[in-house]
Amino acid sequence: MKDEDENKFDSIAKKLEAALEDKKEELANGELNEIEDTTGLENIKRLNTAIIEFYTTNCPYCKQMTPILEELAESFKSKVYFAKVNIENIPTVIEKFSILGVPELIVFKKGQEVGRAEGLQIYETLDEWIDSIHRGLRPMGMILGLSTKTR
């Protein structure tokens, strides 16, 4: 009986994995997209998984984070939408999203915030974190790193 239960579980798990792989995110183009107005932020509500980086142009940690996020965007192409928002150009996002420092990443699932990463992170940490959130294995998460305070 135990082997039969394990086989059923494995079968269900494989079907779930296949369903996740088949789900393509239409805007997940493998690029770190620039959001230039609040309308662009509204579009995340219809996406399954979206990662938004909040940054400033003079933040040294943000500059170091950009190539990491570009590589992750390519890695998660067709699965996760990646974008960045310059808080100097859209200052209203600071209060709306409670941004205390940059870079700050916020992960959204179907428009709802499910995780944050504040400060500079290494590729491996973000890759594992994003993958687990995308797959629904960790509904909330907060990781901290070096950041520049906004206030």
C-alpha atoms as a PDB file:
ATOM      1  CA  MET A   1       0.000   0.000   0.000  1.00  0.00           C
ATOM      2  CA  LYS A   2       2.856   2.386   0.849  1.00  0.00           C
ATOM      3  CA  ASP A   3       4.479   1.913  -2.580  1.00  0.00           C
ATOM      4  CA  GLU A   4       1.127   2.544  -4.267  1.00  0.00           C
ATOM      5  CA  ASP A   5       0.691   5.830  -2.335  1.00  0.00           C
ATOM      6  CA  GLU A   6       4.217   6.906  -3.223  1.00  0.00           C
ATOM      7  CA  ASN A   7       3.584   6.170  -6.902  1.00  0.00           C
ATOM      8  CA  LYS A   8       0.371   8.216  -6.828  1.00  0.00           C
ATOM      9  CA  PHE A   9       2.210  11.098  -5.176  1.00  0.00           C
ATOM     10  CA  ASP A  10       5.043  10.916  -7.726  1.00  0.00           C
ATOM     11  CA  SER A  11       2.503  10.887 -10.558  1.00  0.00           C
ATOM     12  CA  ILE A  12       0.700  13.947  -9.201  1.00  0.00           C
ATOM     13  CA  ALA A  13       4.011  15.755  -8.616  1.00  0.00           C
ATOM     14  CA  LYS A  14       5.131  15.064 -12.198  1.00  0.00           C
ATOM     15  CA  LYS A  15       1.826  16.361 -13.586  1.00  0.00           C
ATOM     16  CA  LEU A  16       2.162  19.531 -11.511  1.00  0.00           C
ATOM     17  CA  GLU A  17       5.735  20.057 -12.708  1.00  0.00           C
ATOM     18  CA  ALA A  18       4.614  19.591 -16.324  1.00  0.00           C
ATOM     19  CA  ALA A  19       1.793  22.098 -15.868  1.00  0.00           C
ATOM     20  CA  LEU A  20       4.211  24.664 -14.454  1.00  0.00           C
ATOM     21  CA  GLU A  21       6.630  24.140 -17.330  1.00  0.00           C
ATOM     22  CA  ASP A  22       3.852  24.529 -19.903  1.00  0.00           C
ATOM     23  CA  LYS A  23       2.596  27.824 -18.409  1.00  0.00           C
ATOM     24  CA  LYS A  24       4.290  30.542 -20.467  1.00  0.00           C
ATOM     25  CA  GLU A  25       4.293  34.132 -19.245  1.00  0.00           C
ATOM     26  CA  GLU A  26       3.592  36.272 -22.314  1.00  0.00           C
ATOM     27  CA  LEU A  27       5.605  39.317 -21.169  1.00  0.00           C
ATOM     28  CA  ALA A  28       8.537  37.295 -19.767  1.00  0.00           C
ATOM     29  CA  ASN A  29      10.792  38.203 -22.676  1.00  0.00           C
ATOM     30  CA  GLY A  30      14.133  37.346 -21.053  1.00  0.00           C
ATOM     31  CA  GLU A  31      14.986  41.020 -20.532  1.00  0.00           C
ATOM     32  CA  LEU A  32      15.085  43.429 -17.605  1.00  0.00           C
ATOM     33  CA  ASN A  33      12.370  45.825 -18.777  1.00  0.00           C
ATOM     34  CA  GLU A  34      12.240  49.504 -17.754  1.00  0.00           C
ATOM     35  CA  ILE A  35       8.923  50.701 -16.313  1.00  0.00           C
ATOM     36  CA  GLU A  36       8.660  54.433 -16.886  1.00  0.00           C
ATOM     37  CA  ASP A  37       5.212  55.238 -15.458  1.00  0.00           C
ATOM     38  CA  THR A  38       2.599  53.926 -13.041  1.00  0.00           C
ATOM     39  CA  THR A  39       0.631  52.349 -15.898  1.00  0.00           C
ATOM     40  CA  GLY A  40       3.471  49.881 -16.401  1.00  0.00           C
ATOM     41  CA  LEU A  41       3.201  48.878 -12.754  1.00  0.00           C
ATOM     42  CA  GLU A  42      -0.507  48.165 -13.171  1.00  0.00           C
ATOM     43  CA  ASN A  43       0.322  45.501 -15.771  1.00  0.00           C
ATOM     44  CA  ILE A  44       1.929  43.272 -13.134  1.00  0.00           C
ATOM     45  CA  LYS A  45      -1.526  42.465 -11.764  1.00  0.00           C
ATOM     46  CA  ARG A  46      -2.214  40.168 -14.704  1.00  0.00           C
ATOM     47  CA  LEU A  47       1.117  38.329 -14.578  1.00  0.00           C
ATOM     48  CA  ASN A  48       1.619  35.017 -12.837  1.00  0.00           C
ATOM     49  CA  THR A  49       5.089  35.932 -11.497  1.00  0.00           C
ATOM     50  CA  ALA A  50       6.818  39.313 -11.751  1.00  0.00           C
ATOM     51  CA  ILE A  51      10.046  40.629 -10.216  1.00  0.00           C
ATOM     52  CA  ILE A  52      10.343  44.410  -9.951  1.00  0.00           C
ATOM     53  CA  GLU A  53      13.608  46.113  -8.996  1.00  0.00           C
ATOM     54  CA  PHE A  54      13.388  49.585  -7.461  1.00  0.00           C
ATOM     55  CA  TYR A  55      16.626  51.525  -7.971  1.00  0.00           C
ATOM     56  CA  THR A  56      18.311  54.911  -8.375  1.00  0.00           C
ATOM     57  CA  THR A  57      20.901  55.912 -10.959  1.00  0.00           C
ATOM     58  CA  ASN A  58      23.529  56.902  -8.361  1.00  0.00           C
ATOM     59  CA  CYS A  59      23.250  53.724  -6.241  1.00  0.00           C
ATOM     60  CA  PRO A  60      26.449  51.631  -6.550  1.00  0.00           C
ATOM     61  CA  TYR A  61      24.683  48.446  -5.412  1.00  0.00           C
ATOM     62  CA  CYS A  62      21.975  48.947  -8.031  1.00  0.00           C
ATOM     63  CA  LYS A  63      24.619  49.158 -10.742  1.00  0.00           C
ATOM     64  CA  GLN A  64      26.119  45.878  -9.528  1.00  0.00           C
ATOM     65  CA  MET A  65      22.679  44.246  -9.404  1.00  0.00           C
ATOM     66  CA  THR A  66      21.735  45.072 -13.022  1.00  0.00           C
ATOM     67  CA  PRO A  67      23.853  42.398 -14.775  1.00  0.00           C
ATOM     68  CA  ILE A  68      22.697  39.800 -12.227  1.00  0.00           C
ATOM     69  CA  LEU A  69      19.045  40.605 -12.928  1.00  0.00           C
ATOM     70  CA  GLU A  70      19.639  40.626 -16.693  1.00  0.00           C
ATOM     71  CA  GLU A  71      21.125  37.127 -16.457  1.00  0.00           C
ATOM     72  CA  LEU A  72      18.239  35.932 -14.265  1.00  0.00           C
ATOM     73  CA  ALA A  73      15.701  37.393 -16.699  1.00  0.00           C
ATOM     74  CA  GLU A  74      17.268  35.355 -19.482  1.00  0.00           C
ATOM     75  CA  SER A  75      17.337  32.269 -17.274  1.00  0.00           C
ATOM     76  CA  PHE A  76      13.628  32.606 -16.407  1.00  0.00           C
ATOM     77  CA  LYS A  77      12.551  33.620 -19.930  1.00  0.00           C
ATOM     78  CA  SER A  78       8.884  32.766 -20.616  1.00  0.00           C
ATOM     79  CA  LYS A  79       8.361  32.038 -16.897  1.00  0.00           C
ATOM     80  CA  VAL A  80       8.968  35.248 -14.922  1.00  0.00           C
ATOM     81  CA  TYR A  81       8.607  38.907 -15.958  1.00  0.00           C
ATOM     82  CA  PHE A  82      11.529  41.116 -14.848  1.00  0.00           C
ATOM     83  CA  ALA A  83      11.349  44.909 -14.707  1.00  0.00           C
ATOM     84  CA  LYS A  84      13.005  47.846 -13.004  1.00  0.00           C
ATOM     85  CA  VAL A  85      11.670  51.181 -11.766  1.00  0.00           C
ATOM     86  CA  ASN A  86      13.820  54.258 -11.212  1.00  0.00           C
ATOM     87  CA  ILE A  87      12.341  55.755  -8.035  1.00  0.00           C
ATOM     88  CA  GLU A  88      13.790  59.159  -8.980  1.00  0.00           C
ATOM     89  CA  ASN A  89      11.520  59.217 -12.052  1.00  0.00           C
ATOM     90  CA  ILE A  90       8.421  57.851 -10.274  1.00  0.00           C
ATOM     91  CA  PRO A  91       8.791  59.035  -6.659  1.00  0.00           C
ATOM     92  CA  THR A  92       5.253  57.987  -5.733  1.00  0.00           C
ATOM     93  CA  VAL A  93       6.382  54.345  -5.702  1.00  0.00           C
ATOM     94  CA  ILE A  94       8.555  54.974  -2.631  1.00  0.00           C
ATOM     95  CA  GLU A  95       5.527  55.338  -0.389  1.00  0.00           C
ATOM     96  CA  LYS A  96       3.216  53.044  -2.342  1.00  0.00           C
ATOM     97  CA  PHE A  97       5.609  50.092  -2.029  1.00  0.00           C
ATOM     98  CA  SER A  98       7.321  51.168   1.254  1.00  0.00           C
ATOM     99  CA  ILE A  99      10.776  51.349  -0.332  1.00  0.00           C
ATOM    100  CA  LEU A 100      13.338  52.071   2.401  1.00  0.00           C
ATOM    101  CA  GLY A 101      16.506  51.344   0.448  1.00  0.00           C
ATOM    102  CA  VAL A 102      17.714  50.408  -3.006  1.00  0.00           C
ATOM    103  CA  PRO A 103      18.116  48.120  -4.724  1.00  0.00           C
ATOM    104  CA  GLU A 104      14.907  46.490  -3.571  1.00  0.00           C
ATOM    105  CA  LEU A 105      13.253  43.607  -5.368  1.00  0.00           C
ATOM    106  CA  ILE A 106       9.590  42.840  -4.908  1.00  0.00           C
ATOM    107  CA  VAL A 107       8.092  39.605  -6.210  1.00  0.00           C
ATOM    108  CA  PHE A 108       4.448  39.565  -7.244  1.00  0.00           C
ATOM    109  CA  LYS A 109       2.250  36.544  -7.931  1.00  0.00           C
ATOM    110  CA  LYS A 110      -0.917  37.522  -9.810  1.00  0.00           C
ATOM    111  CA  GLY A 111      -0.528  41.109  -8.593  1.00  0.00           C
ATOM    112  CA  GLN A 112      -0.008  40.257  -4.928  1.00  0.00           C
ATOM    113  CA  GLU A 113       3.319  40.864  -3.210  1.00  0.00           C
ATOM    114  CA  VAL A 114       4.797  37.582  -2.002  1.00  0.00           C
ATOM    115  CA  GLY A 115       8.437  38.406  -1.319  1.00  0.00           C
ATOM    116  CA  ARG A 116      11.142  41.050  -1.009  1.00  0.00           C
ATOM    117  CA  ALA A 117      14.894  41.164  -1.318  1.00  0.00           C
ATOM    118  CA  GLU A 118      16.566  44.310  -0.067  1.00  0.00           C
ATOM    119  CA  GLY A 119      20.084  45.177  -1.107  1.00  0.00           C
ATOM    120  CA  LEU A 120      22.718  43.598  -3.302  1.00  0.00           C
ATOM    121  CA  GLN A 121      22.337  39.829  -3.709  1.00  0.00           C
ATOM    122  CA  ILE A 122      24.425  37.218  -5.477  1.00  0.00           C
ATOM    123  CA  TYR A 123      23.081  35.334  -8.491  1.00  0.00           C
ATOM    124  CA  GLU A 124      22.810  31.958  -6.765  1.00  0.00           C
ATOM    125  CA  THR A 125      20.765  33.323  -3.855  1.00  0.00           C
ATOM    126  CA  LEU A 126      18.321  35.109  -6.141  1.00  0.00           C
ATOM    127  CA  ASP A 127      18.077  32.190  -8.568  1.00  0.00           C
ATOM    128  CA  GLU A 128      17.045  29.771  -5.812  1.00  0.00           C
ATOM    129  CA  TRP A 129      14.727  32.331  -4.181  1.00  0.00           C
ATOM    130  CA  ILE A 130      12.932  33.254  -7.421  1.00  0.00           C
ATOM    131  CA  ASP A 131      12.620  29.632  -8.525  1.00  0.00           C
ATOM    132  CA  SER A 132      11.032  28.587  -5.236  1.00  0.00           C
ATOM    133  CA  ILE A 133       8.564  31.481  -5.321  1.00  0.00           C
ATOM    134  CA  HIS A 134       7.723  30.883  -8.984  1.00  0.00           C
ATOM    135  CA  ARG A 135       6.979  27.235  -8.246  1.00  0.00           C
ATOM    136  CA  GLY A 136       4.875  28.192  -5.228  1.00  0.00           C
ATOM    137  CA  LEU A 137       7.161  26.434  -2.772  1.00  0.00           C
ATOM    138  CA  ARG A 138       7.729  29.483  -0.579  1.00  0.00           C
ATOM    139  CA  PRO A 139       4.789  31.902  -0.477  1.00  0.00           C
ATOM    140  CA  MET A 140       6.674  34.620   1.428  1.00  0.00           C
ATOM    141  CA  GLY A 141      10.317  35.505   1.644  1.00  0.00           C
ATOM    142  CA  MET A 142      12.577  38.361   2.673  1.00  0.00           C
ATOM    143  CA  ILE A 143      16.312  38.416   2.098  1.00  0.00           C
ATOM    144  CA  LEU A 144      18.649  41.248   3.043  1.00  0.00           C
ATOM    145  CA  GLY A 145      21.861  42.576   1.534  1.00  0.00           C
ATOM    146  CA  LEU A 146      23.831  45.822   1.102  1.00  0.00           C
ATOM    147  CA  SER A 147      21.590  48.767   0.176  1.00  0.00           C
ATOM    148  CA  THR A 148      21.448  52.531  -0.123  1.00  0.00           C
ATOM    149  CA  LYS A 149      18.754  54.134   2.048  1.00  0.00           C
ATOM    150  CA  THR A 150      16.146  56.269   0.275  1.00  0.00           C
ATOM    151  CA  ARG A 151      15.313  58.517   3.237  1.00  0.00           C
END
